[in-house]
Amino acid sequence: MKNGAVVRQFNDRLAASGLRLTPQREQVYQVLLAHRDHPTAEQVFLRAKPKMPDISMATVYNCLDALVKCGLVRLVNVERSATRFCPNMREHFHFHCESCGEIFDIDFDSAAQNRTFGIPRGFRVARYEIAAHGQCPDCAGKPAS
């Protein structure tokens, strides 16, 4: 990891959760940060393997589980497909393109959304899990086949 702030946050979150820094956890996290395309565990495994040939699929699952538990990564579940992983921990929702299968992060102002979604006074939102479905700009611009 190159960015000092990211390395500190990574180490701090692991330590706060009682987890230690391992080369495998660091490599899995680097894979997630390198391409923010919401990969599956299998895709993370395939991307981690060239730099860490001895890593196993079980280790990747364990690393992803640890990263989710310590709040560095969130699970993204879209319909019946494999769970995907997202290192973007800011409030956002996901847009799933039903044509190409890509998942995109869409930022939003959570305070404004509380009013828009009609969340009654007194309720405290801990996090949002919102997904929109449709076509991304690339797919929407393609002629129908």
C-alpha atoms as a PDB file:
ATOM      1  CA  MET A   1       0.000   0.000   0.000  1.00  0.00           C
ATOM      2  CA  LYS A   2       1.433   3.324  -1.016  1.00  0.00           C
ATOM      3  CA  ASN A   3      -0.724   5.939   0.700  1.00  0.00           C
ATOM      4  CA  GLY A   4       0.431   6.420   4.306  1.00  0.00           C
ATOM      5  CA  ALA A   5      -3.051   7.372   5.527  1.00  0.00           C
ATOM      6  CA  VAL A   6      -4.521   4.208   3.993  1.00  0.00           C
ATOM      7  CA  VAL A   7      -1.825   2.056   5.615  1.00  0.00           C
ATOM      8  CA  ARG A   8      -2.472   3.669   9.020  1.00  0.00           C
ATOM      9  CA  GLN A   9      -6.233   3.223   8.689  1.00  0.00           C
ATOM     10  CA  PHE A  10      -5.718  -0.391   7.628  1.00  0.00           C
ATOM     11  CA  ASN A  11      -3.430  -1.140  10.597  1.00  0.00           C
ATOM     12  CA  ASP A  12      -5.614   0.784  13.067  1.00  0.00           C
ATOM     13  CA  ARG A  13      -8.811  -0.984  12.017  1.00  0.00           C
ATOM     14  CA  LEU A  14      -7.202  -4.409  12.213  1.00  0.00           C
ATOM     15  CA  ALA A  15      -5.696  -3.663  15.637  1.00  0.00           C
ATOM     16  CA  ALA A  16      -8.978  -2.239  16.986  1.00  0.00           C
ATOM     17  CA  SER A  17     -10.690  -5.473  15.967  1.00  0.00           C
ATOM     18  CA  GLY A  18      -8.028  -7.594  17.659  1.00  0.00           C
ATOM     19  CA  LEU A  19      -6.619  -8.761  14.333  1.00  0.00           C
ATOM     20  CA  ARG A  20      -3.010  -8.659  13.284  1.00  0.00           C
ATOM     21  CA  LEU A  21      -1.564  -7.466  10.033  1.00  0.00           C
ATOM     22  CA  THR A  22      -0.666 -10.347   7.746  1.00  0.00           C
ATOM     23  CA  PRO A  23       0.795 -10.222   4.243  1.00  0.00           C
ATOM     24  CA  GLN A  24      -2.307 -12.059   2.993  1.00  0.00           C
ATOM     25  CA  ARG A  25      -4.739  -9.518   4.476  1.00  0.00           C
ATOM     26  CA  GLU A  26      -2.678  -6.693   3.071  1.00  0.00           C
ATOM     27  CA  GLN A  27      -2.585  -8.290  -0.393  1.00  0.00           C
ATOM     28  CA  VAL A  28      -6.345  -8.935  -0.437  1.00  0.00           C
ATOM     29  CA  TYR A  29      -7.011  -5.344   0.619  1.00  0.00           C
ATOM     30  CA  GLN A  30      -4.624  -4.048  -2.052  1.00  0.00           C
ATOM     31  CA  VAL A  31      -6.521  -6.060  -4.671  1.00  0.00           C
ATOM     32  CA  LEU A  32      -9.791  -4.453  -3.567  1.00  0.00           C
ATOM     33  CA  LEU A  33      -8.316  -0.954  -3.643  1.00  0.00           C
ATOM     34  CA  ALA A  34      -6.615  -1.414  -7.031  1.00  0.00           C
ATOM     35  CA  HIS A  35      -9.843  -1.914  -9.011  1.00  0.00           C
ATOM     36  CA  ARG A  36     -13.005  -0.700  -7.347  1.00  0.00           C
ATOM     37  CA  ASP A  37     -15.205  -2.932  -9.457  1.00  0.00           C
ATOM     38  CA  HIS A  38     -16.812  -4.908  -6.617  1.00  0.00           C
ATOM     39  CA  PRO A  39     -15.090  -8.256  -7.266  1.00  0.00           C
ATOM     40  CA  THR A  40     -16.271 -11.637  -6.033  1.00  0.00           C
ATOM     41  CA  ALA A  41     -14.067 -13.685  -3.702  1.00  0.00           C
ATOM     42  CA  GLU A  42     -12.986 -15.782  -6.682  1.00  0.00           C
ATOM     43  CA  GLN A  43     -11.958 -12.667  -8.616  1.00  0.00           C
ATOM     44  CA  VAL A  44     -10.008 -11.410  -5.588  1.00  0.00           C
ATOM     45  CA  PHE A  45      -8.259 -14.801  -5.410  1.00  0.00           C
ATOM     46  CA  LEU A  46      -7.310 -14.701  -9.102  1.00  0.00           C
ATOM     47  CA  ARG A  47      -6.003 -11.125  -8.790  1.00  0.00           C
ATOM     48  CA  ALA A  48      -4.007 -11.871  -5.622  1.00  0.00           C
ATOM     49  CA  LYS A  49      -2.410 -15.066  -6.951  1.00  0.00           C
ATOM     50  CA  PRO A  50       0.225 -13.492  -9.263  1.00  0.00           C
ATOM     51  CA  LYS A  51       1.829 -11.523  -6.391  1.00  0.00           C
ATOM     52  CA  MET A  52       1.202 -14.228  -3.801  1.00  0.00           C
ATOM     53  CA  PRO A  53       1.293 -17.651  -5.545  1.00  0.00           C
ATOM     54  CA  ASP A  54       0.834 -19.603  -2.301  1.00  0.00           C
ATOM     55  CA  ILE A  55      -2.414 -17.912  -1.293  1.00  0.00           C
ATOM     56  CA  SER A  56      -5.402 -20.256  -1.126  1.00  0.00           C
ATOM     57  CA  MET A  57      -9.060 -19.640  -1.772  1.00  0.00           C
ATOM     58  CA  ALA A  58      -9.775 -20.388   1.917  1.00  0.00           C
ATOM     59  CA  THR A  59      -7.244 -17.736   2.945  1.00  0.00           C
ATOM     60  CA  VAL A  60      -8.894 -15.198   0.640  1.00  0.00           C
ATOM     61  CA  TYR A  61     -12.295 -15.952   2.209  1.00  0.00           C
ATOM     62  CA  ASN A  62     -10.804 -15.601   5.701  1.00  0.00           C
ATOM     63  CA  CYS A  63      -9.111 -12.314   4.771  1.00  0.00           C
ATOM     64  CA  LEU A  64     -12.303 -10.910   3.251  1.00  0.00           C
ATOM     65  CA  ASP A  65     -14.239 -11.944   6.346  1.00  0.00           C
ATOM     66  CA  ALA A  66     -11.693 -10.188   8.581  1.00  0.00           C
ATOM     67  CA  LEU A  67     -11.792  -7.026   6.439  1.00  0.00           C
ATOM     68  CA  VAL A  68     -15.605  -6.956   6.623  1.00  0.00           C
ATOM     69  CA  LYS A  69     -15.602  -7.535  10.396  1.00  0.00           C
ATOM     70  CA  CYS A  70     -13.166  -4.696  11.044  1.00  0.00           C
ATOM     71  CA  GLY A  71     -15.087  -2.246   8.846  1.00  0.00           C
ATOM     72  CA  LEU A  72     -12.663  -1.844   5.943  1.00  0.00           C
ATOM     73  CA  VAL A  73     -14.859  -3.592   3.385  1.00  0.00           C
ATOM     74  CA  ARG A  74     -18.585  -4.057   2.930  1.00  0.00           C
ATOM     75  CA  LEU A  75     -20.526  -6.911   1.395  1.00  0.00           C
ATOM     76  CA  VAL A  76     -22.514  -6.233  -1.750  1.00  0.00           C
ATOM     77  CA  ASN A  77     -25.271  -8.695  -2.569  1.00  0.00           C
ATOM     78  CA  VAL A  78     -27.068  -8.291  -5.869  1.00  0.00           C
ATOM     79  CA  GLU A  79     -29.941 -10.643  -6.459  1.00  0.00           C
ATOM     80  CA  ARG A  80     -28.794 -14.273  -6.584  1.00  0.00           C
ATOM     81  CA  SER A  81     -25.259 -13.677  -7.779  1.00  0.00           C
ATOM     82  CA  ALA A  82     -22.080 -14.257  -5.759  1.00  0.00           C
ATOM     83  CA  THR A  83     -21.328 -11.826  -2.941  1.00  0.00           C
ATOM     84  CA  ARG A  84     -19.083  -8.985  -4.007  1.00  0.00           C
ATOM     85  CA  PHE A  85     -16.811  -6.789  -1.925  1.00  0.00           C
ATOM     86  CA  CYS A  86     -16.560  -2.996  -1.781  1.00  0.00           C
ATOM     87  CA  PRO A  87     -13.781  -1.035  -0.014  1.00  0.00           C
ATOM     88  CA  ASN A  88     -15.701   2.255  -0.312  1.00  0.00           C
ATOM     89  CA  MET A  89     -16.899   2.893   3.229  1.00  0.00           C
ATOM     90  CA  ARG A  90     -18.461   6.319   2.563  1.00  0.00           C
ATOM     91  CA  GLU A  91     -22.264   6.401   2.477  1.00  0.00           C
ATOM     92  CA  HIS A  92     -23.266   5.405  -1.025  1.00  0.00           C
ATOM     93  CA  PHE A  93     -25.544   3.047  -2.846  1.00  0.00           C
ATOM     94  CA  HIS A  94     -24.961   0.632  -5.668  1.00  0.00           C
ATOM     95  CA  PHE A  95     -26.227   0.719  -9.218  1.00  0.00           C
ATOM     96  CA  HIS A  96     -26.343  -2.693 -10.892  1.00  0.00           C
ATOM     97  CA  CYS A  97     -26.326  -2.700 -14.686  1.00  0.00           C
ATOM     98  CA  GLU A  98     -28.607  -5.529 -15.744  1.00  0.00           C
ATOM     99  CA  SER A  99     -26.995  -5.639 -19.194  1.00  0.00           C
ATOM    100  CA  CYS A 100     -23.253  -5.881 -18.472  1.00  0.00           C
ATOM    101  CA  GLY A 101     -23.407  -6.919 -14.807  1.00  0.00           C
ATOM    102  CA  GLU A 102     -21.152  -4.114 -13.556  1.00  0.00           C
ATOM    103  CA  ILE A 103     -21.802  -2.527 -10.175  1.00  0.00           C
ATOM    104  CA  PHE A 104     -21.186   1.185  -9.695  1.00  0.00           C
ATOM    105  CA  ASP A 105     -20.874   3.271  -6.514  1.00  0.00           C
ATOM    106  CA  ILE A 106     -23.295   6.206  -6.403  1.00  0.00           C
ATOM    107  CA  ASP A 107     -22.613   8.797  -3.681  1.00  0.00           C
ATOM    108  CA  PHE A 108     -25.419  10.519  -1.850  1.00  0.00           C
ATOM    109  CA  ASP A 109     -25.943  12.879   1.048  1.00  0.00           C
ATOM    110  CA  SER A 110     -27.327  10.696   3.834  1.00  0.00           C
ATOM    111  CA  ALA A 111     -28.854  13.652   5.733  1.00  0.00           C
ATOM    112  CA  ALA A 112     -30.802  14.694   2.638  1.00  0.00           C
ATOM    113  CA  GLN A 113     -31.804  11.080   2.000  1.00  0.00           C
ATOM    114  CA  ASN A 114     -33.320  10.778   5.477  1.00  0.00           C
ATOM    115  CA  ARG A 115     -35.825  13.433   4.391  1.00  0.00           C
ATOM    116  CA  THR A 116     -36.288  11.962   0.905  1.00  0.00           C
ATOM    117  CA  PHE A 117     -36.859   8.429   2.156  1.00  0.00           C
ATOM    118  CA  GLY A 118     -39.306   9.664   4.774  1.00  0.00           C
ATOM    119  CA  ILE A 119     -37.491   8.135   7.710  1.00  0.00           C
ATOM    120  CA  PRO A 120     -39.524   9.222  10.741  1.00  0.00           C
ATOM    121  CA  ARG A 121     -38.073  11.415  13.468  1.00  0.00           C
ATOM    122  CA  GLY A 122     -36.371   9.506  16.230  1.00  0.00           C
ATOM    123  CA  PHE A 123     -35.041   6.742  13.998  1.00  0.00           C
ATOM    124  CA  ARG A 124     -31.255   6.572  13.688  1.00  0.00           C
ATOM    125  CA  VAL A 125     -29.926   5.134  10.470  1.00  0.00           C
ATOM    126  CA  ALA A 126     -26.704   3.166  11.006  1.00  0.00           C
ATOM    127  CA  ARG A 127     -26.119   2.414   7.326  1.00  0.00           C
ATOM    128  CA  TYR A 128     -27.908   2.173   4.034  1.00  0.00           C
ATOM    129  CA  GLU A 129     -28.158  -0.840   1.769  1.00  0.00           C
ATOM    130  CA  ILE A 130     -29.745   0.530  -1.340  1.00  0.00           C
ATOM    131  CA  ALA A 131     -29.399  -0.869  -4.832  1.00  0.00           C
ATOM    132  CA  ALA A 132     -30.714   0.570  -8.066  1.00  0.00           C
ATOM    133  CA  HIS A 133     -31.041  -1.590 -11.170  1.00  0.00           C
ATOM    134  CA  GLY A 134     -31.099  -0.651 -14.837  1.00  0.00           C
ATOM    135  CA  GLN A 135     -28.566   0.097 -17.542  1.00  0.00           C
ATOM    136  CA  CYS A 136     -25.273   1.963 -17.223  1.00  0.00           C
ATOM    137  CA  PRO A 137     -24.579   4.785 -19.716  1.00  0.00           C
ATOM    138  CA  ASP A 138     -22.524   2.500 -21.975  1.00  0.00           C
ATOM    139  CA  CYS A 139     -25.226  -0.169 -22.188  1.00  0.00           C
ATOM    140  CA  ALA A 140     -28.105   2.329 -22.444  1.00  0.00           C
ATOM    141  CA  GLY A 141     -26.415   3.880 -25.478  1.00  0.00           C
ATOM    142  CA  LYS A 142     -26.109   0.595 -27.375  1.00  0.00           C
ATOM    143  CA  PRO A 143     -28.753  -0.218 -29.978  1.00  0.00           C
ATOM    144  CA  ALA A 144     -31.169  -2.958 -28.905  1.00  0.00           C
ATOM    145  CA  SER A 145     -30.387  -6.342 -30.437  1.00  0.00           C
END
